[in-house]
């Protein structure tokens, strides 16, 4: 591969990365725990967009339960982002498995 071909390859790779970042930004998922007592909305970059806690979930004598529900909802949302990202970007990757992007 000569220098010009290498430049083209790098340019194409950069373009694909930008396309993937754009697709990730468009992904939004939601998950809940405790029968909807805690719900989380997250984007494709795994940034939490919102966190809702039902008033019934707030018990000063049982903070651990609320903490567990929050963690469970966030983890489920993260799994949904992974699945949505993998589905959305399958064609862009051209069969490549790039850690952190799929």
Protein backbone atom coordinates (compact mmCIF):
# COMPACT_ATOMS: atom_id res chain seq x y z
CA UNK A 1 0.00 0.00 0.00
CA UNK A 2 1.54 3.29 -1.04
CA UNK A 3 1.14 6.62 0.76
CA UNK A 4 -1.78 7.81 -1.38
CA UNK A 5 -3.70 4.58 -0.78
CA UNK A 6 -2.97 4.85 2.92
CA UNK A 7 -4.33 8.41 2.97
CA UNK A 8 -7.51 7.27 1.21
CA UNK A 9 -7.92 4.39 3.65
CA UNK A 10 -7.50 6.70 6.65
CA UNK A 11 -9.95 9.19 5.13
CA UNK A 12 -12.54 6.46 4.62
CA UNK A 13 -12.02 5.21 8.17
CA UNK A 14 -12.49 8.72 9.55
CA UNK A 15 -15.67 9.12 7.53
CA UNK A 16 -17.04 5.83 8.90
CA UNK A 17 -16.21 6.86 12.46
CA UNK A 18 -18.08 10.15 11.95
CA UNK A 19 -21.06 8.27 10.53
CA UNK A 20 -21.04 5.91 13.50
CA UNK A 21 -20.85 8.80 15.97
CA UNK A 22 -23.82 10.41 14.23
CA UNK A 23 -25.82 7.19 14.44
CA UNK A 24 -24.96 6.78 18.12
CA UNK A 25 -26.16 10.31 18.82
CA UNK A 26 -29.55 9.41 17.31
CA UNK A 27 -30.08 6.33 19.51
CA UNK A 28 -32.28 6.81 22.57
CA UNK A 29 -33.36 3.93 24.80
CA UNK A 30 -35.34 3.66 28.00
CA UNK A 31 -35.39 1.00 30.71
CA UNK A 32 -37.01 0.61 34.09
CA UNK A 33 -36.66 -1.46 37.23
CA UNK A 34 -38.94 -2.36 40.09
CA UNK A 35 -42.04 -2.45 37.96
CA UNK A 36 -41.43 1.07 36.71
CA UNK A 37 -40.48 2.56 40.07
CA UNK A 38 -37.22 3.76 38.53
CA UNK A 39 -36.81 4.56 34.85
CA UNK A 40 -33.78 5.76 32.91
CA UNK A 41 -33.40 7.24 29.43
CA UNK A 42 -29.97 7.04 27.79
CA UNK A 43 -28.49 8.05 24.44
CA UNK A 44 -26.23 5.99 22.22
CA UNK A 45 -23.14 7.48 23.86
CA UNK A 46 -24.38 6.00 27.16
CA UNK A 47 -25.10 9.41 28.62
CA UNK A 48 -28.08 9.44 30.95
CA UNK A 49 -30.69 11.83 29.59
CA UNK A 50 -33.21 11.41 32.39
CA UNK A 51 -33.79 9.50 35.60
CA UNK A 52 -37.29 9.23 37.07
CA UNK A 53 -38.03 7.87 40.53
CA UNK A 54 -41.60 7.18 41.59
CA UNK A 55 -42.54 8.68 44.96
CA UNK A 56 -43.36 5.17 46.23
CA UNK A 57 -39.74 4.14 45.66
CA UNK A 58 -38.45 6.68 48.16
CA UNK A 59 -38.30 5.06 51.57
CA UNK A 60 -35.80 6.65 53.97
CA UNK A 61 -35.57 3.34 55.85
CA UNK A 62 -34.58 1.39 52.72
CA UNK A 63 -32.06 3.41 50.73
CA UNK A 64 -30.37 0.22 49.53
CA UNK A 65 -33.47 -0.87 47.61
CA UNK A 66 -33.65 2.46 45.76
CA UNK A 67 -29.93 2.32 44.99
CA UNK A 68 -30.31 -1.22 43.62
CA UNK A 69 -33.26 -0.16 41.44
CA UNK A 70 -31.28 2.76 40.01
CA UNK A 71 -28.29 0.54 39.22
CA UNK A 72 -30.53 -2.11 37.65
CA UNK A 73 -32.30 0.44 35.43
CA UNK A 74 -29.01 2.01 34.30
CA UNK A 75 -27.47 -1.39 33.54
CA UNK A 76 -30.52 -2.47 31.53
CA UNK A 77 -30.43 0.79 29.59
CA UNK A 78 -26.75 0.24 28.85
CA UNK A 79 -27.49 -3.25 27.50
CA UNK A 80 -30.22 -1.80 25.28
CA UNK A 81 -27.80 0.83 23.93
CA UNK A 82 -25.28 -1.90 23.07
CA UNK A 83 -27.93 -3.90 21.21
CA UNK A 84 -29.29 -0.86 19.37
CA UNK A 85 -25.80 0.31 18.41
CA UNK A 86 -24.83 -3.13 17.13
CA UNK A 87 -28.00 -3.33 15.04
CA UNK A 88 -27.70 0.24 13.75
CA UNK A 89 -24.04 0.03 12.78
CA UNK A 90 -23.80 -3.46 11.39
CA UNK A 91 -23.69 -2.21 7.80
CA UNK A 92 -21.19 0.56 8.50
CA UNK A 93 -18.62 -1.76 10.00
CA UNK A 94 -18.45 -4.01 6.97
CA UNK A 95 -18.02 -7.12 9.11
CA UNK A 96 -15.37 -5.60 11.37
CA UNK A 97 -15.69 -6.04 15.11
CA UNK A 98 -14.23 -2.93 16.71
CA UNK A 99 -14.21 -3.03 20.53
CA UNK A 100 -16.04 -0.10 22.06
CA UNK A 101 -18.03 0.63 18.90
CA UNK A 102 -20.06 -2.55 18.69
